[in-house]
Amino acid sequence: MIKPELRIVKTLALIVGQYPEFLDWLVQWELQELRRLPSAVNSPAVFQGRCQVLGEITGFAKEAPALAAKL
């Protein structure tokens, strides 16, 4: 993942702070994709890539409030 600009970190921190259900939805989406990964027979690379991207975005969303507080 490319390093986000300060304004992006702050924006995501505000979203997660004001709308925690967004983070819950993101986590559930990531878990759903991870559960489907073992059964991805036709194109496992697509599922793996989706899981990787969702993992990075979810991790960033979880860390955004702490990162924004430090800045």
PDB file of N, CA and C in Angstrom:
ATOM      1  N   MET A   1       0.855  -1.173   0.000  1.00  0.00           N
ATOM      2  CA  MET A   1       0.000   0.000   0.000  1.00  0.00           C
ATOM      3  C   MET A   1       0.900   1.235   0.000  1.00  0.00           C
ATOM      4  N   ILE A   2       0.525   2.213  -0.792  1.00  0.00           N
ATOM      5  CA  ILE A   2       1.285   3.455  -0.800  1.00  0.00           C
ATOM      6  C   ILE A   2       1.022   4.219   0.491  1.00  0.00           C
ATOM      7  N   LYS A   3       2.009   4.989   0.901  1.00  0.00           N
ATOM      8  CA  LYS A   3       1.853   5.752   2.135  1.00  0.00           C
ATOM      9  C   LYS A   3       0.826   6.863   1.900  1.00  0.00           C
ATOM     10  N   PRO A   4      -0.254   6.870   2.686  1.00  0.00           N
ATOM     11  CA  PRO A   4      -1.292   7.889   2.485  1.00  0.00           C
ATOM     12  C   PRO A   4      -0.843   9.251   2.992  1.00  0.00           C
ATOM     13  N   GLU A   5      -1.381  10.273   2.373  1.00  0.00           N
ATOM     14  CA  GLU A   5      -1.116  11.645   2.806  1.00  0.00           C
ATOM     15  C   GLU A   5      -1.766  11.880   4.168  1.00  0.00           C
ATOM     16  N   LEU A   6      -1.275  12.880   4.854  1.00  0.00           N
ATOM     17  CA  LEU A   6      -1.787  13.221   6.184  1.00  0.00           C
ATOM     18  C   LEU A   6      -3.293  13.466   6.165  1.00  0.00           C
ATOM     19  N   ARG A   7      -3.783  14.141   5.142  1.00  0.00           N
ATOM     20  CA  ARG A   7      -5.225  14.440   5.079  1.00  0.00           C
ATOM     21  C   ARG A   7      -6.055  13.167   4.933  1.00  0.00           C
ATOM     22  N   ILE A   8      -5.507  12.147   4.274  1.00  0.00           N
ATOM     23  CA  ILE A   8      -6.214  10.879   4.124  1.00  0.00           C
ATOM     24  C   ILE A   8      -6.273  10.157   5.464  1.00  0.00           C
ATOM     25  N   VAL A   9      -5.168  10.164   6.197  1.00  0.00           N
ATOM     26  CA  VAL A   9      -5.140   9.531   7.522  1.00  0.00           C
ATOM     27  C   VAL A   9      -6.175  10.193   8.433  1.00  0.00           C
ATOM     28  N   LYS A  10      -6.189  11.518   8.427  1.00  0.00           N
ATOM     29  CA  LYS A  10      -7.138  12.241   9.276  1.00  0.00           C
ATOM     30  C   LYS A  10      -8.584  11.986   8.852  1.00  0.00           C
ATOM     31  N   THR A  11      -8.822  11.936   7.550  1.00  0.00           N
ATOM     32  CA  THR A  11     -10.175  11.677   7.053  1.00  0.00           C
ATOM     33  C   THR A  11     -10.658  10.304   7.471  1.00  0.00           C
ATOM     34  N   LEU A  12      -9.814   9.298   7.296  1.00  0.00           N
ATOM     35  CA  LEU A  12     -10.205   7.948   7.687  1.00  0.00           C
ATOM     36  C   LEU A  12     -10.403   7.847   9.200  1.00  0.00           C
ATOM     37  N   ALA A  13      -9.575   8.532   9.956  1.00  0.00           N
ATOM     38  CA  ALA A  13      -9.745   8.537  11.412  1.00  0.00           C
ATOM     39  C   ALA A  13     -11.094   9.132  11.794  1.00  0.00           C
ATOM     40  N   LEU A  14     -11.498  10.204  11.127  1.00  0.00           N
ATOM     41  CA  LEU A  14     -12.812  10.809  11.397  1.00  0.00           C
ATOM     42  C   LEU A  14     -13.947   9.857  11.033  1.00  0.00           C
ATOM     43  N   ILE A  15     -13.817   9.200   9.893  1.00  0.00           N
ATOM     44  CA  ILE A  15     -14.861   8.261   9.460  1.00  0.00           C
ATOM     45  C   ILE A  15     -15.005   7.139  10.479  1.00  0.00           C
ATOM     46  N   VAL A  16     -13.882   6.538  10.865  1.00  0.00           N
ATOM     47  CA  VAL A  16     -13.929   5.415  11.818  1.00  0.00           C
ATOM     48  C   VAL A  16     -14.433   5.882  13.180  1.00  0.00           C
ATOM     49  N   GLY A  17     -14.044   7.103  13.575  1.00  0.00           N
ATOM     50  CA  GLY A  17     -14.494   7.627  14.868  1.00  0.00           C
ATOM     51  C   GLY A  17     -15.984   7.935  14.890  1.00  0.00           C
ATOM     52  N   GLN A  18     -16.482   8.529  13.809  1.00  0.00           N
ATOM     53  CA  GLN A  18     -17.885   8.930  13.779  1.00  0.00           C
ATOM     54  C   GLN A  18     -18.820   7.818  13.327  1.00  0.00           C
ATOM     55  N   TYR A  19     -18.280   6.900  12.544  1.00  0.00           N
ATOM     56  CA  TYR A  19     -19.103   5.807  12.009  1.00  0.00           C
ATOM     57  C   TYR A  19     -18.398   4.468  12.230  1.00  0.00           C
ATOM     58  N   PRO A  20     -18.341   3.986  13.465  1.00  0.00           N
ATOM     59  CA  PRO A  20     -17.641   2.728  13.743  1.00  0.00           C
ATOM     60  C   PRO A  20     -18.250   1.534  13.015  1.00  0.00           C
ATOM     61  N   GLU A  21     -19.503   1.652  12.601  1.00  0.00           N
ATOM     62  CA  GLU A  21     -20.115   0.560  11.842  1.00  0.00           C
ATOM     63  C   GLU A  21     -19.424   0.363  10.490  1.00  0.00           C
ATOM     64  N   PHE A  22     -18.786   1.406   9.968  1.00  0.00           N
ATOM     65  CA  PHE A  22     -18.029   1.256   8.729  1.00  0.00           C
ATOM     66  C   PHE A  22     -16.857   0.301   8.933  1.00  0.00           C
ATOM     67  N   LEU A  23     -16.143   0.466  10.032  1.00  0.00           N
ATOM     68  CA  LEU A  23     -15.027  -0.433  10.329  1.00  0.00           C
ATOM     69  C   LEU A  23     -15.534  -1.849  10.567  1.00  0.00           C
ATOM     70  N   ASP A  24     -16.650  -1.991  11.258  1.00  0.00           N
ATOM     71  CA  ASP A  24     -17.242  -3.317  11.469  1.00  0.00           C
ATOM     72  C   ASP A  24     -17.569  -3.992  10.135  1.00  0.00           C
ATOM     73  N   TRP A  25     -18.146  -3.227   9.209  1.00  0.00           N
ATOM     74  CA  TRP A  25     -18.483  -3.755   7.891  1.00  0.00           C
ATOM     75  C   TRP A  25     -17.222  -4.167   7.132  1.00  0.00           C
ATOM     76  N   LEU A  26     -16.190  -3.358   7.222  1.00  0.00           N
ATOM     77  CA  LEU A  26     -14.934  -3.659   6.545  1.00  0.00           C
ATOM     78  C   LEU A  26     -14.312  -4.937   7.096  1.00  0.00           C
ATOM     79  N   VAL A  27     -14.319  -5.100   8.394  1.00  0.00           N
ATOM     80  CA  VAL A  27     -13.781  -6.305   9.027  1.00  0.00           C
ATOM     81  C   VAL A  27     -14.586  -7.529   8.617  1.00  0.00           C
ATOM     82  N   GLN A  28     -15.912  -7.405   8.601  1.00  0.00           N
ATOM     83  CA  GLN A  28     -16.753  -8.533   8.191  1.00  0.00           C
ATOM     84  C   GLN A  28     -16.515  -8.921   6.737  1.00  0.00           C
ATOM     85  N   TRP A  29     -16.319  -7.931   5.891  1.00  0.00           N
ATOM     86  CA  TRP A  29     -16.029  -8.200   4.484  1.00  0.00           C
ATOM     87  C   TRP A  29     -14.708  -8.949   4.337  1.00  0.00           C
ATOM     88  N   GLU A  30     -13.709  -8.489   5.085  1.00  0.00           N
ATOM     89  CA  GLU A  30     -12.407  -9.166   5.048  1.00  0.00           C
ATOM     90  C   GLU A  30     -12.526 -10.619   5.521  1.00  0.00           C
ATOM     91  N   LEU A  31     -13.232 -10.843   6.609  1.00  0.00           N
ATOM     92  CA  LEU A  31     -13.405 -12.203   7.127  1.00  0.00           C
ATOM     93  C   LEU A  31     -14.152 -13.094   6.139  1.00  0.00           C
ATOM     94  N   GLN A  32     -15.160 -12.535   5.486  1.00  0.00           N
ATOM     95  CA  GLN A  32     -15.909 -13.294   4.486  1.00  0.00           C
ATOM     96  C   GLN A  32     -14.991 -13.727   3.345  1.00  0.00           C
ATOM     97  N   GLU A  33     -14.164 -12.828   2.872  1.00  0.00           N
ATOM     98  CA  GLU A  33     -13.238 -13.163   1.787  1.00  0.00           C
ATOM     99  C   GLU A  33     -12.212 -14.199   2.242  1.00  0.00           C
ATOM    100  N   LEU A  34     -11.736 -14.082   3.467  1.00  0.00           N
ATOM    101  CA  LEU A  34     -10.775 -15.062   3.979  1.00  0.00           C
ATOM    102  C   LEU A  34     -11.402 -16.443   4.111  1.00  0.00           C
ATOM    103  N   ARG A  35     -12.674 -16.504   4.507  1.00  0.00           N
ATOM    104  CA  ARG A  35     -13.365 -17.794   4.612  1.00  0.00           C
ATOM    105  C   ARG A  35     -13.569 -18.428   3.245  1.00  0.00           C
ATOM    106  N   ARG A  36     -13.763 -17.613   2.210  1.00  0.00           N
ATOM    107  CA  ARG A  36     -13.980 -18.135   0.861  1.00  0.00           C
ATOM    108  C   ARG A  36     -12.682 -18.529   0.163  1.00  0.00           C
ATOM    109  N   LEU A  37     -11.559 -18.076   0.667  1.00  0.00           N
ATOM    110  CA  LEU A  37     -10.275 -18.304   0.012  1.00  0.00           C
ATOM    111  C   LEU A  37      -9.942 -19.780  -0.206  1.00  0.00           C
ATOM    112  N   PRO A  38     -10.119 -20.667   0.784  1.00  0.00           N
ATOM    113  CA  PRO A  38      -9.770 -22.080   0.547  1.00  0.00           C
ATOM    114  C   PRO A  38     -10.576 -22.749  -0.566  1.00  0.00           C
ATOM    115  N   SER A  39     -11.753 -22.247  -0.846  1.00  0.00           N
ATOM    116  CA  SER A  39     -12.576 -22.872  -1.885  1.00  0.00           C
ATOM    117  C   SER A  39     -12.443 -22.178  -3.239  1.00  0.00           C
ATOM    118  N   ALA A  40     -11.506 -21.267  -3.366  1.00  0.00           N
ATOM    119  CA  ALA A  40     -11.292 -20.551  -4.627  1.00  0.00           C
ATOM    120  C   ALA A  40     -10.447 -21.413  -5.552  1.00  0.00           C
ATOM    121  N   VAL A  41     -11.126 -22.209  -6.349  1.00  0.00           N
ATOM    122  CA  VAL A  41     -10.443 -23.155  -7.229  1.00  0.00           C
ATOM    123  C   VAL A  41     -10.126 -22.537  -8.585  1.00  0.00           C
ATOM    124  N   ASN A  42     -11.074 -21.801  -9.150  1.00  0.00           N
ATOM    125  CA  ASN A  42     -10.914 -21.281 -10.506  1.00  0.00           C
ATOM    126  C   ASN A  42      -9.851 -20.197 -10.618  1.00  0.00           C
ATOM    127  N   SER A  43      -9.861 -19.256  -9.724  1.00  0.00           N
ATOM    128  CA  SER A  43      -8.892 -18.156  -9.788  1.00  0.00           C
ATOM    129  C   SER A  43      -8.447 -17.766  -8.378  1.00  0.00           C
ATOM    130  N   PRO A  44      -7.629 -18.592  -7.729  1.00  0.00           N
ATOM    131  CA  PRO A  44      -7.213 -18.282  -6.361  1.00  0.00           C
ATOM    132  C   PRO A  44      -6.408 -16.988  -6.253  1.00  0.00           C
ATOM    133  N   ALA A  45      -5.696 -16.607  -7.312  1.00  0.00           N
ATOM    134  CA  ALA A  45      -4.908 -15.378  -7.248  1.00  0.00           C
ATOM    135  C   ALA A  45      -5.796 -14.152  -7.050  1.00  0.00           C
ATOM    136  N   VAL A  46      -6.964 -14.162  -7.660  1.00  0.00           N
ATOM    137  CA  VAL A  46      -7.896 -13.047  -7.506  1.00  0.00           C
ATOM    138  C   VAL A  46      -8.359 -12.962  -6.058  1.00  0.00           C
ATOM    139  N   PHE A  47      -8.711 -14.094  -5.476  1.00  0.00           N
ATOM    140  CA  PHE A  47      -9.151 -14.117  -4.078  1.00  0.00           C
ATOM    141  C   PHE A  47      -8.010 -13.717  -3.140  1.00  0.00           C
ATOM    142  N   GLN A  48      -6.810 -14.199  -3.422  1.00  0.00           N
ATOM    143  CA  GLN A  48      -5.658 -13.849  -2.583  1.00  0.00           C
ATOM    144  C   GLN A  48      -5.388 -12.349  -2.639  1.00  0.00           C
ATOM    145  N   GLY A  49      -5.443 -11.797  -3.845  1.00  0.00           N
ATOM    146  CA  GLY A  49      -5.227 -10.356  -3.993  1.00  0.00           C
ATOM    147  C   GLY A  49      -6.279  -9.545  -3.267  1.00  0.00           C
ATOM    148  N   ARG A  50      -7.527  -9.988  -3.381  1.00  0.00           N
ATOM    149  CA  ARG A  50      -8.621  -9.288  -2.689  1.00  0.00           C
ATOM    150  C   ARG A  50      -8.415  -9.351  -1.179  1.00  0.00           C
ATOM    151  N   CYS A  51      -8.017 -10.498  -0.681  1.00  0.00           N
ATOM    152  CA  CYS A  51      -7.772 -10.647   0.758  1.00  0.00           C
ATOM    153  C   CYS A  51      -6.627  -9.757   1.210  1.00  0.00           C
ATOM    154  N   GLN A  52      -5.579  -9.690   0.410  1.00  0.00           N
ATOM    155  CA  GLN A  52      -4.432  -8.859   0.767  1.00  0.00           C
ATOM    156  C   GLN A  52      -4.826  -7.385   0.831  1.00  0.00           C
ATOM    157  N   VAL A  53      -5.529  -6.913  -0.183  1.00  0.00           N
ATOM    158  CA  VAL A  53      -5.931  -5.509  -0.216  1.00  0.00           C
ATOM    159  C   VAL A  53      -6.881  -5.195   0.939  1.00  0.00           C
ATOM    160  N   LEU A  54      -7.859  -6.047   1.162  1.00  0.00           N
ATOM    161  CA  LEU A  54      -8.790  -5.814   2.270  1.00  0.00           C
ATOM    162  C   LEU A  54      -8.071  -5.825   3.613  1.00  0.00           C
ATOM    163  N   GLY A  55      -7.094  -6.714   3.762  1.00  0.00           N
ATOM    164  CA  GLY A  55      -6.320  -6.760   4.999  1.00  0.00           C
ATOM    165  C   GLY A  55      -5.556  -5.468   5.235  1.00  0.00           C
ATOM    166  N   GLU A  56      -4.941  -4.940   4.182  1.00  0.00           N
ATOM    167  CA  GLU A  56      -4.196  -3.690   4.320  1.00  0.00           C
ATOM    168  C   GLU A  56      -5.121  -2.519   4.630  1.00  0.00           C
ATOM    169  N   ILE A  57      -6.236  -2.451   3.942  1.00  0.00           N
ATOM    170  CA  ILE A  57      -7.170  -1.350   4.178  1.00  0.00           C
ATOM    171  C   ILE A  57      -7.782  -1.444   5.573  1.00  0.00           C
ATOM    172  N   THR A  58      -8.157  -2.649   5.983  1.00  0.00           N
ATOM    173  CA  THR A  58      -8.736  -2.829   7.312  1.00  0.00           C
ATOM    174  C   THR A  58      -7.722  -2.472   8.399  1.00  0.00           C
ATOM    175  N   GLY A  59      -6.492  -2.925   8.228  1.00  0.00           N
ATOM    176  CA  GLY A  59      -5.445  -2.584   9.202  1.00  0.00           C
ATOM    177  C   GLY A  59      -5.221  -1.085   9.274  1.00  0.00           C
ATOM    178  N   PHE A  60      -5.195  -0.437   8.126  1.00  0.00           N
ATOM    179  CA  PHE A  60      -5.021   1.014   8.094  1.00  0.00           C
ATOM    180  C   PHE A  60      -6.190   1.718   8.767  1.00  0.00           C
ATOM    181  N   ALA A  61      -7.408   1.254   8.519  1.00  0.00           N
ATOM    182  CA  ALA A  61      -8.586   1.864   9.138  1.00  0.00           C
ATOM    183  C   ALA A  61      -8.549   1.710  10.657  1.00  0.00           C
ATOM    184  N   LYS A  62      -8.073   0.558  11.127  1.00  0.00           N
ATOM    185  CA  LYS A  62      -7.979   0.342  12.577  1.00  0.00           C
ATOM    186  C   LYS A  62      -6.928   1.253  13.202  1.00  0.00           C
ATOM    187  N   GLU A  63      -5.833   1.484  12.496  1.00  0.00           N
ATOM    188  CA  GLU A  63      -4.728   2.288  13.033  1.00  0.00           C
ATOM    189  C   GLU A  63      -4.905   3.787  12.811  1.00  0.00           C
ATOM    190  N   ALA A  64      -5.781   4.185  11.916  1.00  0.00           N
ATOM    191  CA  ALA A  64      -5.919   5.593  11.538  1.00  0.00           C
ATOM    192  C   ALA A  64      -6.179   6.538  12.715  1.00  0.00           C
ATOM    193  N   PRO A  65      -7.077   6.198  13.651  1.00  0.00           N
ATOM    194  CA  PRO A  65      -7.284   7.132  14.762  1.00  0.00           C
ATOM    195  C   PRO A  65      -6.020   7.369  15.593  1.00  0.00           C
ATOM    196  N   ALA A  66      -5.258   6.323  15.850  1.00  0.00           N
ATOM    197  CA  ALA A  66      -4.019   6.486  16.622  1.00  0.00           C
ATOM    198  C   ALA A  66      -2.974   7.266  15.829  1.00  0.00           C
ATOM    199  N   LEU A  67      -2.894   6.981  14.530  1.00  0.00           N
ATOM    200  CA  LEU A  67      -1.931   7.703  13.681  1.00  0.00           C
ATOM    201  C   LEU A  67      -2.288   9.183  13.597  1.00  0.00           C
ATOM    202  N   ALA A  68      -3.559   9.490  13.442  1.00  0.00           N
ATOM    203  CA  ALA A  68      -4.001  10.886  13.352  1.00  0.00           C
ATOM    204  C   ALA A  68      -3.763  11.623  14.659  1.00  0.00           C
ATOM    205  N   ALA A  69      -3.899  10.933  15.770  1.00  0.00           N
ATOM    206  CA  ALA A  69      -3.683  11.566  17.074  1.00  0.00           C
ATOM    207  C   ALA A  69      -2.221  11.943  17.268  1.00  0.00           C
ATOM    208  N   LYS A  70      -1.323  11.170  16.690  1.00  0.00           N
ATOM    209  CA  LYS A  70       0.108  11.450  16.814  1.00  0.00           C
ATOM    210  C   LYS A  70       0.537  12.624  15.950  1.00  0.00           C
ATOM    211  N   LEU A  71      -0.218  12.894  14.887  1.00  0.00           N
ATOM    212  CA  LEU A  71       0.195  13.921  13.923  1.00  0.00           C
ATOM    213  C   LEU A  71      -0.268  15.298  14.297  1.00  0.00           C
TER     214      LEU A  71
END
